Amino acid sequence: MADTFIPTSERAARAAQSGGRAAGYCWLEHPDGGAHCTRSPHADRRHVDYYNGRKSPTDASGVEWWE
């Protein structure tokens, strides 16, 4: 059996995506990086990260973008 080398960074990215999807999130990454869509899987093109990018702890959502 031939082993294929997968860089650690690629393995970490795959693990993060798997974890986000397992938690029930859309998990599409923001084009500029640093945020992931934390909405449940959806059909529209609007994405929101409810945790990252909030200006204050009382804000309902943080980073928002359209695909």
PDB file of N, CA and C in Angstrom:
ATOM      1  N   MET A   1       0.851  -1.171   0.000  1.00  0.00           N
ATOM      2  CA  MET A   1       0.000   0.000   0.000  1.00  0.00           C
ATOM      3  C   MET A   1       0.893   1.228   0.000  1.00  0.00           C
ATOM      4  N   ALA A   2       0.673   2.117  -0.927  1.00  0.00           N
ATOM      5  CA  ALA A   2       1.481   3.331  -1.039  1.00  0.00           C
ATOM      6  C   ALA A   2       0.889   4.424  -0.153  1.00  0.00           C
ATOM      7  N   ASP A   3       1.721   4.962   0.709  1.00  0.00           N
ATOM      8  CA  ASP A   3       1.291   6.075   1.549  1.00  0.00           C
ATOM      9  C   ASP A   3       1.513   7.372   0.797  1.00  0.00           C
ATOM     10  N   THR A   4       0.519   8.251   0.849  1.00  0.00           N
ATOM     11  CA  THR A   4       0.684   9.562   0.229  1.00  0.00           C
ATOM     12  C   THR A   4       0.886  10.584   1.337  1.00  0.00           C
ATOM     13  N   PHE A   5       1.806  11.485   1.106  1.00  0.00           N
ATOM     14  CA  PHE A   5       2.121  12.505   2.104  1.00  0.00           C
ATOM     15  C   PHE A   5       1.113  13.632   2.003  1.00  0.00           C
ATOM     16  N   ILE A   6       0.497  13.966   3.120  1.00  0.00           N
ATOM     17  CA  ILE A   6      -0.410  15.103   3.205  1.00  0.00           C
ATOM     18  C   ILE A   6       0.202  16.081   4.202  1.00  0.00           C
ATOM     19  N   PRO A   7       0.490  17.315   3.754  1.00  0.00           N
ATOM     20  CA  PRO A   7       1.104  18.289   4.659  1.00  0.00           C
ATOM     21  C   PRO A   7       0.250  18.531   5.908  1.00  0.00           C
ATOM     22  N   THR A   8       0.896  18.844   6.986  1.00  0.00           N
ATOM     23  CA  THR A   8       0.203  19.082   8.256  1.00  0.00           C
ATOM     24  C   THR A   8      -0.841  20.183   8.132  1.00  0.00           C
ATOM     25  N   SER A   9      -0.535  21.240   7.394  1.00  0.00           N
ATOM     26  CA  SER A   9      -1.491  22.341   7.227  1.00  0.00           C
ATOM     27  C   SER A   9      -2.757  21.869   6.513  1.00  0.00           C
ATOM     28  N   GLU A  10      -2.608  20.999   5.526  1.00  0.00           N
ATOM     29  CA  GLU A  10      -3.761  20.456   4.808  1.00  0.00           C
ATOM     30  C   GLU A  10      -4.578  19.540   5.721  1.00  0.00           C
ATOM     31  N   ARG A  11      -3.910  18.744   6.519  1.00  0.00           N
ATOM     32  CA  ARG A  11      -4.613  17.867   7.464  1.00  0.00           C
ATOM     33  C   ARG A  11      -5.385  18.684   8.487  1.00  0.00           C
ATOM     34  N   ALA A  12      -4.778  19.779   8.972  1.00  0.00           N
ATOM     35  CA  ALA A  12      -5.448  20.651   9.942  1.00  0.00           C
ATOM     36  C   ALA A  12      -6.672  21.317   9.318  1.00  0.00           C
ATOM     37  N   ALA A  13      -6.556  21.754   8.065  1.00  0.00           N
ATOM     38  CA  ALA A  13      -7.688  22.386   7.384  1.00  0.00           C
ATOM     39  C   ALA A  13      -8.830  21.395   7.192  1.00  0.00           C
ATOM     40  N   ARG A  14      -8.494  20.164   6.809  1.00  0.00           N
ATOM     41  CA  ARG A  14      -9.519  19.132   6.643  1.00  0.00           C
ATOM     42  C   ARG A  14     -10.199  18.804   7.970  1.00  0.00           C
ATOM     43  N   ALA A  15      -9.422  18.746   9.037  1.00  0.00           N
ATOM     44  CA  ALA A  15      -9.984  18.450  10.363  1.00  0.00           C
ATOM     45  C   ALA A  15     -10.905  19.572  10.822  1.00  0.00           C
ATOM     46  N   ALA A  16     -10.516  20.827  10.572  1.00  0.00           N
ATOM     47  CA  ALA A  16     -11.347  21.969  10.962  1.00  0.00           C
ATOM     48  C   ALA A  16     -12.660  21.965  10.186  1.00  0.00           C
ATOM     49  N   GLN A  17     -12.593  21.694   8.890  1.00  0.00           N
ATOM     50  CA  GLN A  17     -13.807  21.645   8.085  1.00  0.00           C
ATOM     51  C   GLN A  17     -14.707  20.504   8.550  1.00  0.00           C
ATOM     52  N   SER A  18     -14.137  19.367   8.824  1.00  0.00           N
ATOM     53  CA  SER A  18     -14.913  18.228   9.297  1.00  0.00           C
ATOM     54  C   SER A  18     -15.590  18.544  10.629  1.00  0.00           C
ATOM     55  N   GLY A  19     -14.860  19.187  11.524  1.00  0.00           N
ATOM     56  CA  GLY A  19     -15.423  19.552  12.821  1.00  0.00           C
ATOM     57  C   GLY A  19     -16.547  20.562  12.697  1.00  0.00           C
ATOM     58  N   GLY A  20     -16.355  21.562  11.833  1.00  0.00           N
ATOM     59  CA  GLY A  20     -17.397  22.568  11.615  1.00  0.00           C
ATOM     60  C   GLY A  20     -18.651  21.966  11.029  1.00  0.00           C
ATOM     61  N   ARG A  21     -18.477  21.088  10.057  1.00  0.00           N
ATOM     62  CA  ARG A  21     -19.638  20.430   9.451  1.00  0.00           C
ATOM     63  C   ARG A  21     -20.321  19.493  10.439  1.00  0.00           C
ATOM     64  N   ALA A  22     -19.537  18.799  11.263  1.00  0.00           N
ATOM     65  CA  ALA A  22     -20.117  17.895  12.263  1.00  0.00           C
ATOM     66  C   ALA A  22     -20.906  18.669  13.314  1.00  0.00           C
ATOM     67  N   ALA A  23     -20.509  19.922  13.556  1.00  0.00           N
ATOM     68  CA  ALA A  23     -21.226  20.755  14.520  1.00  0.00           C
ATOM     69  C   ALA A  23     -22.522  21.320  13.937  1.00  0.00           C
ATOM     70  N   GLY A  24     -22.749  21.097  12.635  1.00  0.00           N
ATOM     71  CA  GLY A  24     -23.994  21.530  12.020  1.00  0.00           C
ATOM     72  C   GLY A  24     -23.899  22.879  11.330  1.00  0.00           C
ATOM     73  N   TYR A  25     -22.695  23.333  11.023  1.00  0.00           N
ATOM     74  CA  TYR A  25     -22.503  24.622  10.370  1.00  0.00           C
ATOM     75  C   TYR A  25     -22.268  24.448   8.877  1.00  0.00           C
ATOM     76  N   CYS A  26     -22.546  25.506   8.108  1.00  0.00           N
ATOM     77  CA  CYS A  26     -22.227  25.535   6.679  1.00  0.00           C
ATOM     78  C   CYS A  26     -20.715  25.446   6.497  1.00  0.00           C
ATOM     79  N   TRP A  27     -19.978  26.220   7.255  1.00  0.00           N
ATOM     80  CA  TRP A  27     -18.519  26.208   7.380  1.00  0.00           C
ATOM     81  C   TRP A  27     -17.770  26.654   6.129  1.00  0.00           C
ATOM     82  N   LEU A  28     -18.423  27.439   5.244  1.00  0.00           N
ATOM     83  CA  LEU A  28     -17.703  28.014   4.115  1.00  0.00           C
ATOM     84  C   LEU A  28     -16.757  29.078   4.651  1.00  0.00           C
ATOM     85  N   GLU A  29     -15.526  29.080   4.181  1.00  0.00           N
ATOM     86  CA  GLU A  29     -14.539  30.046   4.664  1.00  0.00           C
ATOM     87  C   GLU A  29     -14.723  31.394   3.973  1.00  0.00           C
ATOM     88  N   HIS A  30     -14.553  32.467   4.746  1.00  0.00           N
ATOM     89  CA  HIS A  30     -14.615  33.832   4.210  1.00  0.00           C
ATOM     90  C   HIS A  30     -13.494  33.994   3.190  1.00  0.00           C
ATOM     91  N   PRO A  31     -13.730  34.710   2.081  1.00  0.00           N
ATOM     92  CA  PRO A  31     -12.690  34.868   1.054  1.00  0.00           C
ATOM     93  C   PRO A  31     -11.389  35.472   1.571  1.00  0.00           C
ATOM     94  N   ASP A  32     -11.460  36.340   2.581  1.00  0.00           N
ATOM     95  CA  ASP A  32     -10.256  36.949   3.150  1.00  0.00           C
ATOM     96  C   ASP A  32      -9.658  36.120   4.273  1.00  0.00           C
ATOM     97  N   GLY A  33     -10.312  35.020   4.631  1.00  0.00           N
ATOM     98  CA  GLY A  33      -9.838  34.156   5.709  1.00  0.00           C
ATOM     99  C   GLY A  33     -10.251  34.678   7.074  1.00  0.00           C
ATOM    100  N   GLY A  34     -10.009  33.894   8.085  1.00  0.00           N
ATOM    101  CA  GLY A  34     -10.273  34.303   9.459  1.00  0.00           C
ATOM    102  C   GLY A  34     -11.705  34.157   9.930  1.00  0.00           C
ATOM    103  N   ALA A  35     -12.611  33.703   9.075  1.00  0.00           N
ATOM    104  CA  ALA A  35     -14.000  33.530   9.479  1.00  0.00           C
ATOM    105  C   ALA A  35     -14.601  32.373   8.688  1.00  0.00           C
ATOM    106  N   HIS A  36     -15.577  31.718   9.296  1.00  0.00           N
ATOM    107  CA  HIS A  36     -16.313  30.633   8.642  1.00  0.00           C
ATOM    108  C   HIS A  36     -17.798  30.864   8.878  1.00  0.00           C
ATOM    109  N   CYS A  37     -18.616  30.423   7.949  1.00  0.00           N
ATOM    110  CA  CYS A  37     -20.061  30.569   8.091  1.00  0.00           C
ATOM    111  C   CYS A  37     -20.551  29.627   9.188  1.00  0.00           C
ATOM    112  N   THR A  38     -21.167  30.212  10.209  1.00  0.00           N
ATOM    113  CA  THR A  38     -21.663  29.411  11.323  1.00  0.00           C
ATOM    114  C   THR A  38     -23.186  29.311  11.305  1.00  0.00           C
ATOM    115  N   ARG A  39     -23.776  29.504  10.127  1.00  0.00           N
ATOM    116  CA  ARG A  39     -25.197  29.212   9.959  1.00  0.00           C
ATOM    117  C   ARG A  39     -25.336  27.723   9.686  1.00  0.00           C
ATOM    118  N   SER A  40     -26.541  27.205   9.904  1.00  0.00           N
ATOM    119  CA  SER A  40     -26.773  25.813   9.518  1.00  0.00           C
ATOM    120  C   SER A  40     -26.742  25.746   7.994  1.00  0.00           C
ATOM    121  N   PRO A  41     -26.537  24.581   7.399  1.00  0.00           N
ATOM    122  CA  PRO A  41     -26.493  24.489   5.943  1.00  0.00           C
ATOM    123  C   PRO A  41     -27.727  25.156   5.323  1.00  0.00           C
ATOM    124  N   HIS A  42     -27.497  25.932   4.258  1.00  0.00           N
ATOM    125  CA  HIS A  42     -28.559  26.742   3.680  1.00  0.00           C
ATOM    126  C   HIS A  42     -28.415  26.805   2.169  1.00  0.00           C
ATOM    127  N   ALA A  43     -29.474  27.234   1.495  1.00  0.00           N
ATOM    128  CA  ALA A  43     -29.479  27.296   0.034  1.00  0.00           C
ATOM    129  C   ALA A  43     -29.186  28.704  -0.478  1.00  0.00           C
ATOM    130  N   ASP A  44     -29.347  29.727   0.354  1.00  0.00           N
ATOM    131  CA  ASP A  44     -29.087  31.086  -0.130  1.00  0.00           C
ATOM    132  C   ASP A  44     -27.594  31.389  -0.123  1.00  0.00           C
ATOM    133  N   ARG A  45     -27.213  32.547  -0.625  1.00  0.00           N
ATOM    134  CA  ARG A  45     -25.800  32.875  -0.793  1.00  0.00           C
ATOM    135  C   ARG A  45     -25.249  33.737   0.341  1.00  0.00           C
ATOM    136  N   ARG A  46     -26.055  34.023   1.360  1.00  0.00           N
ATOM    137  CA  ARG A  46     -25.630  34.856   2.487  1.00  0.00           C
ATOM    138  C   ARG A  46     -24.939  33.984   3.530  1.00  0.00           C
ATOM    139  N   HIS A  47     -23.762  34.438   3.958  1.00  0.00           N
ATOM    140  CA  HIS A  47     -23.002  33.706   4.968  1.00  0.00           C
ATOM    141  C   HIS A  47     -22.706  34.628   6.148  1.00  0.00           C
ATOM    142  N   VAL A  48     -22.743  34.067   7.347  1.00  0.00           N
ATOM    143  CA  VAL A  48     -22.532  34.832   8.571  1.00  0.00           C
ATOM    144  C   VAL A  48     -21.665  34.032   9.533  1.00  0.00           C
ATOM    145  N   ASP A  49     -20.697  34.707  10.133  1.00  0.00           N
ATOM    146  CA  ASP A  49     -19.940  34.112  11.234  1.00  0.00           C
ATOM    147  C   ASP A  49     -20.428  34.817  12.496  1.00  0.00           C
ATOM    148  N   TYR A  50     -21.184  34.106  13.312  1.00  0.00           N
ATOM    149  CA  TYR A  50     -21.788  34.703  14.495  1.00  0.00           C
ATOM    150  C   TYR A  50     -20.792  34.910  15.634  1.00  0.00           C
ATOM    151  N   TYR A  51     -19.586  34.387  15.510  1.00  0.00           N
ATOM    152  CA  TYR A  51     -18.636  34.449  16.605  1.00  0.00           C
ATOM    153  C   TYR A  51     -17.473  35.402  16.348  1.00  0.00           C
ATOM    154  N   ASN A  52     -16.929  35.408  15.136  1.00  0.00           N
ATOM    155  CA  ASN A  52     -15.779  36.250  14.822  1.00  0.00           C
ATOM    156  C   ASN A  52     -16.222  37.572  14.198  1.00  0.00           C
ATOM    157  N   GLY A  53     -15.538  38.641  14.542  1.00  0.00           N
ATOM    158  CA  GLY A  53     -15.806  39.934  13.938  1.00  0.00           C
ATOM    159  C   GLY A  53     -16.842  40.782  14.645  1.00  0.00           C
ATOM    160  N   ARG A  54     -17.324  40.331  15.791  1.00  0.00           N
ATOM    161  CA  ARG A  54     -18.283  41.158  16.534  1.00  0.00           C
ATOM    162  C   ARG A  54     -17.556  42.337  17.158  1.00  0.00           C
ATOM    163  N   LYS A  55     -18.181  43.515  17.118  1.00  0.00           N
ATOM    164  CA  LYS A  55     -17.564  44.718  17.682  1.00  0.00           C
ATOM    165  C   LYS A  55     -17.725  44.782  19.197  1.00  0.00           C
ATOM    166  N   SER A  56     -18.779  44.165  19.717  1.00  0.00           N
ATOM    167  CA  SER A  56     -18.972  44.088  21.163  1.00  0.00           C
ATOM    168  C   SER A  56     -19.602  42.732  21.491  1.00  0.00           C
ATOM    169  N   PRO A  57     -19.486  42.300  22.733  1.00  0.00           N
ATOM    170  CA  PRO A  57     -20.044  40.988  23.110  1.00  0.00           C
ATOM    171  C   PRO A  57     -21.564  40.896  22.950  1.00  0.00           C
ATOM    172  N   THR A  58     -22.252  42.035  22.881  1.00  0.00           N
ATOM    173  CA  THR A  58     -23.708  42.006  22.759  1.00  0.00           C
ATOM    174  C   THR A  58     -24.186  41.990  21.316  1.00  0.00           C
ATOM    175  N   ASP A  59     -23.281  42.109  20.341  1.00  0.00           N
ATOM    176  CA  ASP A  59     -23.674  42.039  18.936  1.00  0.00           C
ATOM    177  C   ASP A  59     -24.204  40.646  18.610  1.00  0.00           C
ATOM    178  N   ALA A  60     -25.246  40.591  17.787  1.00  0.00           N
ATOM    179  CA  ALA A  60     -25.831  39.304  17.436  1.00  0.00           C
ATOM    180  C   ALA A  60     -25.004  38.540  16.420  1.00  0.00           C
ATOM    181  N   SER A  61     -24.295  39.240  15.543  1.00  0.00           N
ATOM    182  CA  SER A  61     -23.492  38.552  14.542  1.00  0.00           C
ATOM    183  C   SER A  61     -22.219  39.345  14.260  1.00  0.00           C
ATOM    184  N   GLY A  62     -21.286  38.690  13.617  1.00  0.00           N
ATOM    185  CA  GLY A  62     -20.018  39.321  13.290  1.00  0.00           C
ATOM    186  C   GLY A  62     -19.876  39.536  11.800  1.00  0.00           C
ATOM    187  N   VAL A  63     -18.963  38.808  11.195  1.00  0.00           N
ATOM    188  CA  VAL A  63     -18.650  38.962   9.782  1.00  0.00           C
ATOM    189  C   VAL A  63     -19.795  38.414   8.924  1.00  0.00           C
ATOM    190  N   GLU A  64     -20.215  39.195   7.918  1.00  0.00           N
ATOM    191  CA  GLU A  64     -21.215  38.743   6.969  1.00  0.00           C
ATOM    192  C   GLU A  64     -20.684  38.938   5.559  1.00  0.00           C
ATOM    193  N   TRP A  65     -20.984  38.005   4.658  1.00  0.00           N
ATOM    194  CA  TRP A  65     -20.560  38.135   3.266  1.00  0.00           C
ATOM    195  C   TRP A  65     -21.502  37.357   2.367  1.00  0.00           C
ATOM    196  N   TRP A  66     -21.449  37.680   1.085  1.00  0.00           N
ATOM    197  CA  TRP A  66     -22.259  37.015   0.072  1.00  0.00           C
ATOM    198  C   TRP A  66     -21.366  36.218  -0.846  1.00  0.00           C
ATOM    199  N   GLU A  67     -21.779  35.059  -1.200  1.00  0.00           N
ATOM    200  CA  GLU A  67     -21.012  34.179  -2.088  1.00  0.00           C
ATOM    201  C   GLU A  67     -21.290  34.549  -3.529  1.00  0.00           C
TER     202      GLU A  67
END
